[in-house]
Each structure stands twice: as structure tokens, then as C-alpha cells.
Amino acid sequence: MTGVLSLAYGSFCIWILAGLMALALCNRVNDASLTFRGFIWQSVLLAMGFAFPALGWILTCKLVFGGYHNPELAQYRQFIWVLDSVRFGVHHFLYTASLKWAEFLEVVFSVAGLPTLVLGAVVFAGFAIGAPIWLIIRERSLAYLSIGITIGASVFFFYFMGFYQARLELNVVLPFLLAAAILTVSIVERAEIQSAAPIAAVLVWAITILCLLYEVAKPFPTI
């Protein structure tokens, strides 16, 4: 299914990276007796299942039309830029990688404002009302671990893609909103004020609508 989806939109291939990381975490948590060879075998099967639709499509194009062309790889050198720079030596690769990293962070920071602000506001509000923030984080440690893995996979994938746009790098910072939502729910559940949940819901919807209106009305939308 992931392989078929990647034929419709290339960024779906990040699912293979997320799938491998989730498989490793799942095997570690639920089946510690699984051998390393068994884990490798499952990972290979997952990768092969992902690759078959793409390879089938490439083969079909070559048999029917005489060739296969991917404009994203050809024009933007997505992921291929690593091999291009390595051909010129280690120093050239490190120089190119540093430039790419600076460009990547610049785009990430352009869309990181709201998620970071929301998460910071929730943490501040929690401390202000005396909520056990650290206890909540420990109780939801598996959820926050999953969020951390998601952020790591997104950074790895979208950085090495080499083509940076706000609509793509938004994937890196969206998990911050999920972290804020989990923390908000946990704080509200512990609040002694009965109206805390409705107030929190109204504020979240108000922020969401205002941000949506801003993105639609601003002169040059980036999302």
C-alpha cells in the first residue's frame, strides 16, 4: 500500500523509514526475544513490498514507452544530490551538506513559529497553574517517544530530499502540535475547574481558525 501511494506522491516514501523505525520499536517493546536476523528479515520484506510497485511501474514505462523519467530526480536531484557531491570528494560533500543544512533550517524556522509558540504556551500555562508537567511527560513517555521518532524521521527524510519548501518542512514541526495537544488534555484532566475542558476547546478552535484565516489572507502563502 505504501509503495502504491508513493507512485501518486513521492513523499509517501517516508513511510518506509517510519515503518522500519516503528518495527524496531515494536519488536523491542513487544517481542524482545526476536532475533536480530528475524528483525532484518522483516525489514527486508517491508522494503521489498514498498519497492515492488515502483519497480513495476518503471518496468511498465520502459516496456510500453521505451523509457522512464522522473522529473523530481532529474530537475531537483532529490536525494541524488548526496551522490553528486560525494563524487567530488569528502570536502565537497561536507561543504554541500552544510549549505543544504542551513537552507533546510531556514525553511523549517519559517513554519516552526506557531507550533513552537503553542507548545511553549501550554508548558507555561501548565507550570503557572501548578500542573505536574514532568509527571505527565513520564506517564505519556511512549507517546512522546513516538513523537520524537517522528520528528527524527522527518528531519532525516526532508533534509536529504534536498528540495526545501515550507509545505514540505511543515511535516517536521507538526508533531510539536501533537505534543502540545497531549499535554493540554492531560493538564485539563487534572484541572479541578469543571469548565477547563470547554475553555481549552474554545481556545484551540479559536487559534486554529485565526491561523487558517491568516494563511489564506496573507500576500504570499507558504503552506
C-alpha atoms as a PDB file:
ATOM      1  CA  MET A   1       0.000   0.000   0.000  1.00  0.00           C
ATOM      2  CA  THR A   2       2.827   2.399   0.862  1.00  0.00           C
ATOM      3  CA  GLY A   3       4.542   1.630  -2.437  1.00  0.00           C
ATOM      4  CA  VAL A   4       1.349   2.333  -4.382  1.00  0.00           C
ATOM      5  CA  LEU A   5       0.802   5.613  -2.539  1.00  0.00           C
ATOM      6  CA  SER A   6       4.362   6.683  -3.329  1.00  0.00           C
ATOM      7  CA  LEU A   7       3.509   6.415  -7.024  1.00  0.00           C
ATOM      8  CA  ALA A   8       0.857   9.089  -6.505  1.00  0.00           C
ATOM      9  CA  TYR A   9       3.083  11.363  -4.397  1.00  0.00           C
ATOM     10  CA  GLY A  10       6.761  10.787  -3.801  1.00  0.00           C
ATOM     11  CA  SER A  11       6.813  11.958  -0.177  1.00  0.00           C
ATOM     12  CA  PHE A  12       4.828   8.900   0.837  1.00  0.00           C
ATOM     13  CA  CYS A  13       8.124   7.030   0.703  1.00  0.00           C
ATOM     14  CA  ILE A  14       8.877   8.470   4.137  1.00  0.00           C
ATOM     15  CA  TRP A  15       6.514   5.771   5.371  1.00  0.00           C
ATOM     16  CA  ILE A  16       9.121   3.137   4.673  1.00  0.00           C
ATOM     17  CA  LEU A  17      11.532   4.908   7.035  1.00  0.00           C
ATOM     18  CA  ALA A  18       8.802   5.345   9.646  1.00  0.00           C
ATOM     19  CA  GLY A  19       7.781   1.711   9.169  1.00  0.00           C
ATOM     20  CA  LEU A  20      11.293   0.421   9.788  1.00  0.00           C
ATOM     21  CA  MET A  21      11.653   2.564  12.908  1.00  0.00           C
ATOM     22  CA  ALA A  22       8.220   1.514  14.181  1.00  0.00           C
ATOM     23  CA  LEU A  23       9.077  -2.141  13.536  1.00  0.00           C
ATOM     24  CA  ALA A  24      12.272  -1.781  15.550  1.00  0.00           C
ATOM     25  CA  LEU A  25      10.405  -0.104  18.418  1.00  0.00           C
ATOM     26  CA  CYS A  26       7.565  -2.626  18.319  1.00  0.00           C
ATOM     27  CA  ASN A  27       9.917  -5.588  18.333  1.00  0.00           C
ATOM     28  CA  ARG A  28      11.881  -4.077  21.185  1.00  0.00           C
ATOM     29  CA  VAL A  29       8.787  -3.421  23.312  1.00  0.00           C
ATOM     30  CA  ASN A  30       6.583  -6.402  22.452  1.00  0.00           C
ATOM     31  CA  ASP A  31       8.960  -9.164  21.407  1.00  0.00           C
ATOM     32  CA  ALA A  32      12.364  -8.800  22.969  1.00  0.00           C
ATOM     33  CA  SER A  33      13.080 -12.450  22.097  1.00  0.00           C
ATOM     34  CA  LEU A  34      13.070 -11.710  18.365  1.00  0.00           C
ATOM     35  CA  THR A  35      16.480 -12.408  16.921  1.00  0.00           C
ATOM     36  CA  PHE A  36      18.428  -9.821  15.015  1.00  0.00           C
ATOM     37  CA  ARG A  37      18.178 -11.998  11.920  1.00  0.00           C
ATOM     38  CA  GLY A  38      14.392 -12.075  12.266  1.00  0.00           C
ATOM     39  CA  PHE A  39      14.252  -8.305  12.517  1.00  0.00           C
ATOM     40  CA  ILE A  40      16.451  -7.936   9.429  1.00  0.00           C
ATOM     41  CA  TRP A  41      14.240 -10.380   7.527  1.00  0.00           C
ATOM     42  CA  GLN A  42      11.063  -8.463   8.399  1.00  0.00           C
ATOM     43  CA  SER A  43      12.730  -5.181   7.426  1.00  0.00           C
ATOM     44  CA  VAL A  44      13.819  -6.628   4.078  1.00  0.00           C
ATOM     45  CA  LEU A  45      10.284  -7.853   3.390  1.00  0.00           C
ATOM     46  CA  LEU A  46       8.892  -4.409   4.216  1.00  0.00           C
ATOM     47  CA  ALA A  47      11.393  -2.705   1.923  1.00  0.00           C
ATOM     48  CA  MET A  48      10.740  -5.173  -0.887  1.00  0.00           C
ATOM     49  CA  GLY A  49       6.999  -4.739  -0.563  1.00  0.00           C
ATOM     50  CA  PHE A  50       7.495  -0.997  -0.808  1.00  0.00           C
ATOM     51  CA  ALA A  51       9.803  -1.264  -3.823  1.00  0.00           C
ATOM     52  CA  PHE A  52       7.738  -3.662  -5.946  1.00  0.00           C
ATOM     53  CA  PRO A  53       5.080  -1.133  -7.114  1.00  0.00           C
ATOM     54  CA  ALA A  54       7.742   1.427  -8.086  1.00  0.00           C
ATOM     55  CA  LEU A  55       9.864  -1.165  -9.890  1.00  0.00           C
ATOM     56  CA  GLY A  56       6.763  -2.492 -11.617  1.00  0.00           C
ATOM     57  CA  TRP A  57       5.838   0.994 -12.808  1.00  0.00           C
ATOM     58  CA  ILE A  58       9.370   1.701 -14.063  1.00  0.00           C
ATOM     59  CA  LEU A  59       9.406  -1.602 -15.947  1.00  0.00           C
ATOM     60  CA  THR A  60       5.983  -0.879 -17.441  1.00  0.00           C
ATOM     61  CA  CYS A  61       7.118   2.544 -18.655  1.00  0.00           C
ATOM     62  CA  LYS A  62      10.219   1.060 -20.272  1.00  0.00           C
ATOM     63  CA  LEU A  63       8.291  -1.731 -21.987  1.00  0.00           C
ATOM     64  CA  VAL A  64       5.376   0.433 -23.172  1.00  0.00           C
ATOM     65  CA  PHE A  65       7.003   3.817 -23.781  1.00  0.00           C
ATOM     66  CA  GLY A  66      10.651   2.874 -24.150  1.00  0.00           C
ATOM     67  CA  GLY A  67      11.961   4.708 -21.066  1.00  0.00           C
ATOM     68  CA  TYR A  68      11.319   6.113 -17.605  1.00  0.00           C
ATOM     69  CA  HIS A  69      11.782   9.709 -16.471  1.00  0.00           C
ATOM     70  CA  ASN A  70      11.347  11.179 -13.002  1.00  0.00           C
ATOM     71  CA  PRO A  71      11.369  14.998 -13.209  1.00  0.00           C
ATOM     72  CA  GLU A  72      11.849  15.436  -9.457  1.00  0.00           C
ATOM     73  CA  LEU A  73      15.047  13.410  -9.502  1.00  0.00           C
ATOM     74  CA  ALA A  74      16.228  14.847 -12.806  1.00  0.00           C
ATOM     75  CA  GLN A  75      15.491  18.531 -12.136  1.00  0.00           C
ATOM     76  CA  TYR A  76      15.781  18.882  -8.373  1.00  0.00           C
ATOM     77  CA  ARG A  77      18.188  15.966  -7.731  1.00  0.00           C
ATOM     78  CA  GLN A  78      16.163  14.912  -4.719  1.00  0.00           C
ATOM     79  CA  PHE A  79      18.308  12.566  -2.599  1.00  0.00           C
ATOM     80  CA  ILE A  80      20.638  12.182  -5.594  1.00  0.00           C
ATOM     81  CA  TRP A  81      22.497  15.337  -4.552  1.00  0.00           C
ATOM     82  CA  VAL A  82      24.334  13.258  -1.945  1.00  0.00           C
ATOM     83  CA  LEU A  83      25.850  11.024  -4.620  1.00  0.00           C
ATOM     84  CA  ASP A  84      26.540  14.029  -6.836  1.00  0.00           C
ATOM     85  CA  SER A  85      28.573  15.752  -4.133  1.00  0.00           C
ATOM     86  CA  VAL A  86      30.372  12.586  -2.988  1.00  0.00           C
ATOM     87  CA  ARG A  87      31.790  12.153  -6.486  1.00  0.00           C
ATOM     88  CA  PHE A  88      33.806  15.343  -5.961  1.00  0.00           C
ATOM     89  CA  GLY A  89      35.307  14.198  -2.673  1.00  0.00           C
ATOM     90  CA  VAL A  90      34.623  14.311   1.048  1.00  0.00           C
ATOM     91  CA  HIS A  91      35.350  18.040   1.425  1.00  0.00           C
ATOM     92  CA  HIS A  92      32.910  18.932  -1.326  1.00  0.00           C
ATOM     93  CA  PHE A  93      30.267  16.707   0.251  1.00  0.00           C
ATOM     94  CA  LEU A  94      30.710  18.294   3.694  1.00  0.00           C
ATOM     95  CA  TYR A  95      30.567  21.773   2.194  1.00  0.00           C
ATOM     96  CA  THR A  96      27.415  20.958   0.218  1.00  0.00           C
ATOM     97  CA  ALA A  97      25.818  19.227   3.194  1.00  0.00           C
ATOM     98  CA  SER A  98      26.421  22.267   5.415  1.00  0.00           C
ATOM     99  CA  LEU A  99      24.880  24.594   2.842  1.00  0.00           C
ATOM    100  CA  LYS A 100      21.899  22.280   2.496  1.00  0.00           C
ATOM    101  CA  TRP A 101      21.525  22.116   6.279  1.00  0.00           C
ATOM    102  CA  ALA A 102      21.478  25.914   6.567  1.00  0.00           C
ATOM    103  CA  GLU A 103      18.899  26.149   3.796  1.00  0.00           C
ATOM    104  CA  PHE A 104      16.832  23.402   5.406  1.00  0.00           C
ATOM    105  CA  LEU A 105      16.816  25.086   8.828  1.00  0.00           C
ATOM    106  CA  GLU A 106      15.873  28.426   7.293  1.00  0.00           C
ATOM    107  CA  VAL A 107      12.745  26.904   5.758  1.00  0.00           C
ATOM    108  CA  VAL A 108      11.922  24.915   8.913  1.00  0.00           C
ATOM    109  CA  PHE A 109      12.153  28.037  11.072  1.00  0.00           C
ATOM    110  CA  SER A 110       9.764  29.834   8.727  1.00  0.00           C
ATOM    111  CA  VAL A 111       6.991  27.374   9.638  1.00  0.00           C
ATOM    112  CA  ALA A 112       8.067  26.498  13.183  1.00  0.00           C
ATOM    113  CA  GLY A 113       6.768  29.677  14.813  1.00  0.00           C
ATOM    114  CA  LEU A 114       3.178  28.660  15.550  1.00  0.00           C
ATOM    115  CA  PRO A 115       3.816  25.047  16.687  1.00  0.00           C
ATOM    116  CA  THR A 116       6.669  26.156  18.942  1.00  0.00           C
ATOM    117  CA  LEU A 117       4.593  29.018  20.341  1.00  0.00           C
ATOM    118  CA  VAL A 118       1.627  26.758  21.075  1.00  0.00           C
ATOM    119  CA  LEU A 119       3.774  24.133  22.790  1.00  0.00           C
ATOM    120  CA  GLY A 120       5.589  26.778  24.810  1.00  0.00           C
ATOM    121  CA  ALA A 121       2.276  28.400  25.822  1.00  0.00           C
ATOM    122  CA  VAL A 122       0.881  25.065  27.014  1.00  0.00           C
ATOM    123  CA  VAL A 123       4.002  24.305  29.048  1.00  0.00           C
ATOM    124  CA  PHE A 124       3.977  27.802  30.568  1.00  0.00           C
ATOM    125  CA  ALA A 125       0.269  27.579  31.417  1.00  0.00           C
ATOM    126  CA  GLY A 126       0.808  24.161  32.970  1.00  0.00           C
ATOM    127  CA  PHE A 127       3.566  25.397  35.240  1.00  0.00           C
ATOM    128  CA  ALA A 128       1.536  28.528  36.061  1.00  0.00           C
ATOM    129  CA  ILE A 129      -1.423  26.518  37.391  1.00  0.00           C
ATOM    130  CA  GLY A 130       0.812  24.012  39.176  1.00  0.00           C
ATOM    131  CA  ALA A 131       0.209  21.049  36.859  1.00  0.00           C
ATOM    132  CA  PRO A 132       2.670  18.138  37.248  1.00  0.00           C
ATOM    133  CA  ILE A 133       4.295  18.626  33.838  1.00  0.00           C
ATOM    134  CA  TRP A 134       7.166  16.203  34.395  1.00  0.00           C
ATOM    135  CA  LEU A 135       4.831  13.543  35.772  1.00  0.00           C
ATOM    136  CA  ILE A 136       2.600  13.905  32.716  1.00  0.00           C
ATOM    137  CA  ILE A 137       5.583  13.513  30.417  1.00  0.00           C
ATOM    138  CA  ARG A 138       6.645  10.343  32.237  1.00  0.00           C
ATOM    139  CA  GLU A 139       3.124   8.936  32.071  1.00  0.00           C
ATOM    140  CA  ARG A 140       2.932   9.648  28.331  1.00  0.00           C
ATOM    141  CA  SER A 141       6.546   8.692  27.701  1.00  0.00           C
ATOM    142  CA  LEU A 142       5.705   6.216  24.928  1.00  0.00           C
ATOM    143  CA  ALA A 143       3.629   8.829  23.087  1.00  0.00           C
ATOM    144  CA  TYR A 144       6.394  11.406  23.379  1.00  0.00           C
ATOM    145  CA  LEU A 145       8.955   8.817  22.299  1.00  0.00           C
ATOM    146  CA  SER A 146       6.856   8.203  19.187  1.00  0.00           C
ATOM    147  CA  ILE A 147       6.694  11.950  18.570  1.00  0.00           C
ATOM    148  CA  GLY A 148      10.465  12.186  18.907  1.00  0.00           C
ATOM    149  CA  ILE A 149      10.940   9.331  16.431  1.00  0.00           C
ATOM    150  CA  THR A 150       8.553  11.038  14.017  1.00  0.00           C
ATOM    151  CA  ILE A 151      10.459  14.303  14.230  1.00  0.00           C
ATOM    152  CA  GLY A 152      13.769  12.497  13.756  1.00  0.00           C
ATOM    153  CA  ALA A 153      12.500  10.583  10.726  1.00  0.00           C
ATOM    154  CA  SER A 154      11.050  13.766   9.216  1.00  0.00           C
ATOM    155  CA  VAL A 155      14.267  15.719   9.700  1.00  0.00           C
ATOM    156  CA  PHE A 156      16.309  12.883   8.168  1.00  0.00           C
ATOM    157  CA  PHE A 157      13.993  12.418   5.192  1.00  0.00           C
ATOM    158  CA  PHE A 158      13.217  16.029   4.295  1.00  0.00           C
ATOM    159  CA  TYR A 159      16.804  17.183   4.784  1.00  0.00           C
ATOM    160  CA  PHE A 160      18.261  14.555   2.469  1.00  0.00           C
ATOM    161  CA  MET A 161      15.493  15.253  -0.025  1.00  0.00           C
ATOM    162  CA  GLY A 162      17.440  18.415  -0.833  1.00  0.00           C
ATOM    163  CA  PHE A 163      14.387  20.314  -2.100  1.00  0.00           C
ATOM    164  CA  TYR A 164      13.099  22.650   0.575  1.00  0.00           C
ATOM    165  CA  GLN A 165       9.676  24.265   0.629  1.00  0.00           C
ATOM    166  CA  ALA A 166       7.566  25.398   3.569  1.00  0.00           C
ATOM    167  CA  ARG A 167       4.762  22.998   2.647  1.00  0.00           C
ATOM    168  CA  LEU A 168       7.196  20.095   2.939  1.00  0.00           C
ATOM    169  CA  GLU A 169       9.136  21.171   6.012  1.00  0.00           C
ATOM    170  CA  LEU A 170       5.857  21.723   7.837  1.00  0.00           C
ATOM    171  CA  ASN A 171       5.925  17.949   8.405  1.00  0.00           C
ATOM    172  CA  VAL A 172       8.923  18.431  10.688  1.00  0.00           C
ATOM    173  CA  VAL A 173       7.120  20.745  13.121  1.00  0.00           C
ATOM    174  CA  LEU A 174       3.557  19.351  13.063  1.00  0.00           C
ATOM    175  CA  PRO A 175       4.434  16.763  15.757  1.00  0.00           C
ATOM    176  CA  PHE A 176       5.020  19.712  18.110  1.00  0.00           C
ATOM    177  CA  LEU A 177       1.287  20.432  17.867  1.00  0.00           C
ATOM    178  CA  LEU A 178       0.536  16.818  18.739  1.00  0.00           C
ATOM    179  CA  ALA A 179       2.828  17.080  21.765  1.00  0.00           C
ATOM    180  CA  ALA A 180       1.006  20.248  22.821  1.00  0.00           C
ATOM    181  CA  ALA A 181      -2.381  18.560  22.375  1.00  0.00           C
ATOM    182  CA  ILE A 182      -1.411  15.556  24.504  1.00  0.00           C
ATOM    183  CA  LEU A 183      -0.046  17.823  27.213  1.00  0.00           C
ATOM    184  CA  THR A 184      -3.134  20.045  27.103  1.00  0.00           C
ATOM    185  CA  VAL A 185      -5.517  17.091  27.503  1.00  0.00           C
ATOM    186  CA  SER A 186      -3.512  15.733  30.407  1.00  0.00           C
ATOM    187  CA  ILE A 187      -3.487  19.125  32.156  1.00  0.00           C
ATOM    188  CA  VAL A 188      -7.217  19.596  31.622  1.00  0.00           C
ATOM    189  CA  GLU A 189      -7.940  16.109  33.007  1.00  0.00           C
ATOM    190  CA  ARG A 190      -6.185  17.094  36.214  1.00  0.00           C
ATOM    191  CA  ALA A 191      -7.822  20.520  36.491  1.00  0.00           C
ATOM    192  CA  GLU A 192     -10.297  20.930  39.307  1.00  0.00           C
ATOM    193  CA  ILE A 193     -12.255  23.565  37.401  1.00  0.00           C
ATOM    194  CA  GLN A 194     -15.178  21.886  35.585  1.00  0.00           C
ATOM    195  CA  SER A 195     -15.144  24.478  32.808  1.00  0.00           C
ATOM    196  CA  ALA A 196     -11.482  23.850  31.996  1.00  0.00           C
ATOM    197  CA  ALA A 197     -12.178  21.422  29.141  1.00  0.00           C
ATOM    198  CA  PRO A 198     -14.717  23.646  27.309  1.00  0.00           C
ATOM    199  CA  ILE A 199     -12.477  26.691  27.711  1.00  0.00           C
ATOM    200  CA  ALA A 200      -9.483  24.786  26.353  1.00  0.00           C
ATOM    201  CA  ALA A 201     -11.543  23.531  23.399  1.00  0.00           C
ATOM    202  CA  VAL A 202     -12.763  27.047  22.550  1.00  0.00           C
ATOM    203  CA  LEU A 203      -9.228  28.440  22.708  1.00  0.00           C
ATOM    204  CA  VAL A 204      -7.848  25.676  20.471  1.00  0.00           C
ATOM    205  CA  TRP A 205     -10.562  26.212  17.863  1.00  0.00           C
ATOM    206  CA  ALA A 206     -10.106  29.979  18.012  1.00  0.00           C
ATOM    207  CA  ILE A 207      -6.355  29.673  17.435  1.00  0.00           C
ATOM    208  CA  THR A 208      -6.926  27.184  14.601  1.00  0.00           C
ATOM    209  CA  ILE A 209      -9.430  29.417  12.808  1.00  0.00           C
ATOM    210  CA  LEU A 210      -7.280  32.531  13.217  1.00  0.00           C
ATOM    211  CA  CYS A 211      -4.225  30.738  11.838  1.00  0.00           C
ATOM    212  CA  LEU A 212      -6.232  29.411   8.909  1.00  0.00           C
ATOM    213  CA  LEU A 213      -7.551  32.878   8.111  1.00  0.00           C
ATOM    214  CA  TYR A 214      -4.040  34.306   8.339  1.00  0.00           C
ATOM    215  CA  GLU A 215      -2.622  31.707   5.926  1.00  0.00           C
ATOM    216  CA  VAL A 216      -5.419  32.366   3.440  1.00  0.00           C
ATOM    217  CA  ALA A 217      -5.254  36.172   3.667  1.00  0.00           C
ATOM    218  CA  LYS A 218      -1.502  36.803   3.756  1.00  0.00           C
ATOM    219  CA  PRO A 219       0.051  38.069   0.492  1.00  0.00           C
ATOM    220  CA  PHE A 220       2.311  35.091  -0.202  1.00  0.00           C
ATOM    221  CA  PRO A 221       1.056  31.870   1.395  1.00  0.00           C
ATOM    222  CA  THR A 222       3.825  29.369   2.116  1.00  0.00           C
ATOM    223  CA  ILE A 223       1.676  26.392   3.109  1.00  0.00           C
END
